[in-house]
Every structure is written in C-alpha cells, then in structure tokens.
Amino acid sequence: MAALTDHPYASLTLPDDAASDCLFLRPGLPGTTPFLLHRGGGDLPNSQEALQKLSEPPIAVSCSELEKVGAGLSSLCLVLSTRPHC
C-alpha cells in the first residue's frame, strides 16, 4: 500500500484476525478528533491492550448483529469527500 501513494501510512499488527475489521474516521468538522471504530472487547480479547495505546481514541462497538448476516464494520463504510467551507 505504501508504495502506491505519497501518503504516510502507519501499521499496527494485532493478534486477533477480527481486529482487521475496523474503520478509521476523520470527521471533517473543525475541532473534531479522528478516531478508530473497532469491534468490542469480547470479540478481540488479545488485541485490547494494543488498541488502547493508539494516539487516536479507539471506540469499541458490538458487532454481534452484523455477524449474524456475515457482515462487519467495513461493510458499512461510505467514503465521503467534502469541500472546505467557504
């Protein structure tokens, strides 16, 4: 991924495979803080400590209902591009 762009990427390796199903959100409103939306603690028992060390605040959500239909957080993702307010 890093070879295809000039954007600096950071990576984090977590022991739970399900931890890869997360969303990094960067709200476009002034004064808002980027955050990581990830699966709840019961789903990622071995990854919680590493997630709490991130500089952006992680927010855990339950995905039990999504799992029933075979979906995850990333299947709910919309990419929106906004223009700066004039």
N, C-alpha and C. Protein backbone atom coordinates (compact mmCIF):
# COMPACT_ATOMS: atom_id res chain seq x y z
N MET A 1 0.82 -1.19 0.00
CA MET A 1 0.00 0.00 0.00
C MET A 1 0.87 1.26 0.00
N ALA A 2 1.91 1.27 0.82
CA ALA A 2 2.75 2.46 0.94
C ALA A 2 3.45 2.78 -0.38
N ALA A 3 3.74 1.79 -1.19
CA ALA A 3 4.42 2.02 -2.46
C ALA A 3 3.50 2.68 -3.50
N LEU A 4 2.20 2.64 -3.29
CA LEU A 4 1.25 3.17 -4.26
C LEU A 4 0.82 4.60 -3.99
N THR A 5 1.28 5.20 -2.92
CA THR A 5 0.82 6.54 -2.57
C THR A 5 1.93 7.36 -1.93
N ASP A 6 1.72 8.65 -1.87
CA ASP A 6 2.68 9.51 -1.18
C ASP A 6 2.19 9.85 0.23
N HIS A 7 1.05 9.28 0.64
CA HIS A 7 0.52 9.50 1.99
C HIS A 7 1.27 8.61 2.97
N PRO A 8 1.72 9.15 4.10
CA PRO A 8 2.44 8.32 5.07
C PRO A 8 1.47 7.42 5.85
N TYR A 9 1.68 6.13 5.78
CA TYR A 9 0.84 5.17 6.49
C TYR A 9 1.59 4.61 7.70
N ALA A 10 0.86 4.33 8.74
CA ALA A 10 1.40 3.62 9.90
C ALA A 10 0.62 2.32 10.01
N SER A 11 1.26 1.28 10.48
CA SER A 11 0.56 0.00 10.60
C SER A 11 0.65 -0.49 12.04
N LEU A 12 -0.30 -1.30 12.41
CA LEU A 12 -0.37 -1.90 13.73
C LEU A 12 -0.73 -3.37 13.53
N THR A 13 0.08 -4.26 14.08
CA THR A 13 -0.19 -5.69 13.97
C THR A 13 -0.85 -6.16 15.26
N LEU A 14 -2.01 -6.80 15.11
CA LEU A 14 -2.78 -7.28 16.26
C LEU A 14 -2.94 -8.79 16.18
N PRO A 15 -2.99 -9.48 17.33
CA PRO A 15 -3.06 -10.94 17.32
C PRO A 15 -4.40 -11.53 16.88
N ASP A 16 -5.48 -10.77 16.98
CA ASP A 16 -6.80 -11.28 16.59
C ASP A 16 -7.07 -10.94 15.13
N ASP A 17 -7.40 -11.95 14.31
CA ASP A 17 -7.71 -11.71 12.90
C ASP A 17 -8.89 -10.75 12.73
N ALA A 18 -9.87 -10.85 13.60
CA ALA A 18 -11.06 -10.00 13.50
C ALA A 18 -10.74 -8.52 13.75
N ALA A 19 -9.58 -8.23 14.30
CA ALA A 19 -9.20 -6.84 14.57
C ALA A 19 -8.98 -6.04 13.28
N SER A 20 -8.79 -6.73 12.17
CA SER A 20 -8.60 -6.01 10.90
C SER A 20 -9.89 -5.35 10.42
N ASP A 21 -11.01 -5.76 10.97
CA ASP A 21 -12.30 -5.18 10.59
C ASP A 21 -12.57 -3.95 11.46
N CYS A 22 -11.99 -2.83 11.06
CA CYS A 22 -12.15 -1.59 11.81
C CYS A 22 -12.21 -0.43 10.82
N LEU A 23 -12.62 0.72 11.31
CA LEU A 23 -12.71 1.92 10.48
C LEU A 23 -11.99 3.06 11.18
N PHE A 24 -11.13 3.76 10.44
CA PHE A 24 -10.51 4.98 10.96
C PHE A 24 -11.31 6.15 10.41
N LEU A 25 -11.90 6.91 11.29
CA LEU A 25 -12.77 8.01 10.89
C LEU A 25 -12.12 9.35 11.21
N ARG A 26 -12.15 10.21 10.22
CA ARG A 26 -11.60 11.55 10.38
C ARG A 26 -12.71 12.54 10.03
N PRO A 27 -13.52 12.93 11.04
CA PRO A 27 -14.62 13.85 10.77
C PRO A 27 -14.10 15.16 10.18
N GLY A 28 -14.87 15.72 9.25
CA GLY A 28 -14.44 16.93 8.57
C GLY A 28 -14.82 18.22 9.27
N LEU A 29 -15.42 18.13 10.43
CA LEU A 29 -15.83 19.33 11.13
C LEU A 29 -14.68 19.91 11.94
N PRO A 30 -14.57 21.24 11.98
CA PRO A 30 -13.50 21.86 12.78
C PRO A 30 -13.61 21.46 14.25
N GLY A 31 -12.48 21.18 14.86
CA GLY A 31 -12.46 20.84 16.27
C GLY A 31 -12.76 19.39 16.59
N THR A 32 -12.98 18.56 15.58
CA THR A 32 -13.25 17.14 15.83
C THR A 32 -11.95 16.34 15.78
N THR A 33 -11.92 15.25 16.50
CA THR A 33 -10.74 14.41 16.61
C THR A 33 -10.94 13.12 15.83
N PRO A 34 -9.95 12.69 15.05
CA PRO A 34 -10.05 11.39 14.37
C PRO A 34 -10.14 10.27 15.41
N PHE A 35 -10.78 9.16 15.04
CA PHE A 35 -10.88 8.04 15.97
C PHE A 35 -10.97 6.73 15.21
N LEU A 36 -10.68 5.66 15.92
CA LEU A 36 -10.73 4.31 15.36
C LEU A 36 -11.97 3.62 15.91
N LEU A 37 -12.83 3.15 15.02
CA LEU A 37 -14.03 2.40 15.39
C LEU A 37 -13.70 0.92 15.21
N HIS A 38 -13.76 0.14 16.28
CA HIS A 38 -13.36 -1.27 16.20
C HIS A 38 -14.36 -2.15 16.95
N ARG A 39 -14.22 -3.44 16.75
CA ARG A 39 -15.11 -4.41 17.40
C ARG A 39 -14.88 -4.40 18.91
N GLY A 40 -15.93 -4.72 19.66
CA GLY A 40 -15.87 -4.69 21.12
C GLY A 40 -14.90 -5.68 21.73
N GLY A 41 -14.60 -5.46 23.01
CA GLY A 41 -13.59 -6.23 23.74
C GLY A 41 -13.81 -7.72 23.76
N GLY A 42 -15.06 -8.17 23.82
CA GLY A 42 -15.32 -9.60 23.83
C GLY A 42 -14.91 -10.27 22.53
N ASP A 43 -14.93 -9.50 21.44
CA ASP A 43 -14.57 -10.04 20.13
C ASP A 43 -13.06 -10.08 19.92
N LEU A 44 -12.33 -9.22 20.62
CA LEU A 44 -10.88 -9.08 20.41
C LEU A 44 -10.12 -9.17 21.74
N PRO A 45 -10.18 -10.28 22.44
CA PRO A 45 -9.58 -10.34 23.77
C PRO A 45 -8.07 -10.11 23.80
N ASN A 46 -7.37 -10.50 22.76
CA ASN A 46 -5.91 -10.37 22.75
C ASN A 46 -5.42 -9.05 22.17
N SER A 47 -6.30 -8.24 21.64
CA SER A 47 -5.89 -7.01 20.97
C SER A 47 -6.24 -5.74 21.74
N GLN A 48 -6.99 -5.85 22.83
CA GLN A 48 -7.45 -4.67 23.55
C GLN A 48 -6.31 -3.79 24.06
N GLU A 49 -5.28 -4.39 24.60
CA GLU A 49 -4.17 -3.61 25.15
C GLU A 49 -3.49 -2.77 24.07
N ALA A 50 -3.23 -3.36 22.92
CA ALA A 50 -2.59 -2.63 21.83
C ALA A 50 -3.49 -1.52 21.30
N LEU A 51 -4.79 -1.78 21.20
CA LEU A 51 -5.72 -0.76 20.70
C LEU A 51 -5.79 0.44 21.64
N GLN A 52 -5.68 0.21 22.93
CA GLN A 52 -5.76 1.32 23.89
C GLN A 52 -4.51 2.20 23.86
N LYS A 53 -3.43 1.74 23.26
CA LYS A 53 -2.19 2.51 23.18
C LYS A 53 -2.15 3.46 21.98
N LEU A 54 -3.16 3.41 21.12
CA LEU A 54 -3.18 4.27 19.94
C LEU A 54 -3.32 5.74 20.33
N SER A 55 -2.75 6.62 19.52
CA SER A 55 -2.85 8.05 19.82
C SER A 55 -4.26 8.58 19.58
N GLU A 56 -4.98 8.01 18.61
CA GLU A 56 -6.37 8.38 18.39
C GLU A 56 -7.24 7.56 19.33
N PRO A 57 -8.28 8.15 19.88
CA PRO A 57 -9.11 7.38 20.82
C PRO A 57 -9.88 6.27 20.12
N PRO A 58 -9.71 5.01 20.55
CA PRO A 58 -10.48 3.92 19.95
C PRO A 58 -11.88 3.85 20.56
N ILE A 59 -12.87 3.53 19.75
CA ILE A 59 -14.25 3.38 20.21
C ILE A 59 -14.70 1.97 19.85
N ALA A 60 -15.06 1.20 20.86
CA ALA A 60 -15.48 -0.19 20.64
C ALA A 60 -16.99 -0.25 20.42
N VAL A 61 -17.40 -1.06 19.46
CA VAL A 61 -18.83 -1.28 19.20
C VAL A 61 -19.08 -2.79 19.10
N SER A 62 -20.27 -3.19 19.47
CA SER A 62 -20.65 -4.60 19.37
C SER A 62 -21.05 -4.91 17.93
N CYS A 63 -20.55 -6.00 17.42
CA CYS A 63 -20.85 -6.40 16.04
C CYS A 63 -21.64 -7.70 15.98
N SER A 64 -22.24 -8.10 17.08
CA SER A 64 -22.92 -9.40 17.12
C SER A 64 -24.06 -9.49 16.11
N GLU A 65 -24.81 -8.42 15.92
CA GLU A 65 -25.91 -8.44 14.95
C GLU A 65 -25.38 -8.47 13.52
N LEU A 66 -24.29 -7.77 13.26
CA LEU A 66 -23.68 -7.79 11.93
C LEU A 66 -23.16 -9.18 11.59
N GLU A 67 -22.58 -9.86 12.59
CA GLU A 67 -22.04 -11.19 12.36
C GLU A 67 -23.12 -12.19 11.96
N LYS A 68 -24.34 -11.99 12.42
CA LYS A 68 -25.43 -12.91 12.08
C LYS A 68 -25.72 -12.94 10.58
N VAL A 69 -25.44 -11.84 9.91
CA VAL A 69 -25.67 -11.78 8.46
C VAL A 69 -24.36 -11.84 7.68
N GLY A 70 -23.27 -12.15 8.38
CA GLY A 70 -21.99 -12.30 7.72
C GLY A 70 -21.33 -10.99 7.32
N ALA A 71 -21.65 -9.93 8.02
CA ALA A 71 -21.08 -8.62 7.69
C ALA A 71 -20.19 -8.13 8.83
N GLY A 72 -19.46 -7.08 8.56
CA GLY A 72 -18.61 -6.47 9.56
C GLY A 72 -18.66 -4.96 9.46
N LEU A 73 -17.85 -4.29 10.25
CA LEU A 73 -17.83 -2.83 10.24
C LEU A 73 -17.49 -2.26 8.88
N SER A 74 -16.51 -2.85 8.22
CA SER A 74 -16.06 -2.30 6.94
C SER A 74 -17.13 -2.39 5.86
N SER A 75 -18.12 -3.26 6.02
CA SER A 75 -19.19 -3.34 5.03
C SER A 75 -20.17 -2.18 5.17
N LEU A 76 -20.06 -1.42 6.24
CA LEU A 76 -20.94 -0.27 6.46
C LEU A 76 -20.28 1.05 6.05
N CYS A 77 -19.11 0.97 5.46
CA CYS A 77 -18.30 2.16 5.18
C CYS A 77 -18.77 2.93 3.96
N LEU A 78 -18.84 4.23 4.09
CA LEU A 78 -19.07 5.15 2.97
C LEU A 78 -17.91 6.12 2.94
N VAL A 79 -17.33 6.35 1.79
CA VAL A 79 -16.26 7.32 1.66
C VAL A 79 -16.86 8.61 1.12
N LEU A 80 -16.74 9.66 1.91
CA LEU A 80 -17.29 10.95 1.52
C LEU A 80 -16.17 11.96 1.38
N SER A 81 -16.21 12.71 0.33
CA SER A 81 -15.25 13.78 0.13
C SER A 81 -16.00 15.10 0.25
N THR A 82 -15.53 15.95 1.14
CA THR A 82 -16.20 17.23 1.32
C THR A 82 -15.25 18.36 0.96
N ARG A 83 -15.82 19.43 0.53
CA ARG A 83 -15.02 20.62 0.23
C ARG A 83 -14.95 21.49 1.46
N PRO A 84 -13.86 22.23 1.62
CA PRO A 84 -13.77 23.14 2.77
C PRO A 84 -14.89 24.18 2.70
N HIS A 85 -15.39 24.54 3.87
CA HIS A 85 -16.43 25.56 3.92
C HIS A 85 -15.87 26.91 3.53
N CYS A 86 -16.62 27.65 2.74
CA CYS A 86 -16.16 28.97 2.28
C CYS A 86 -16.51 30.04 3.28
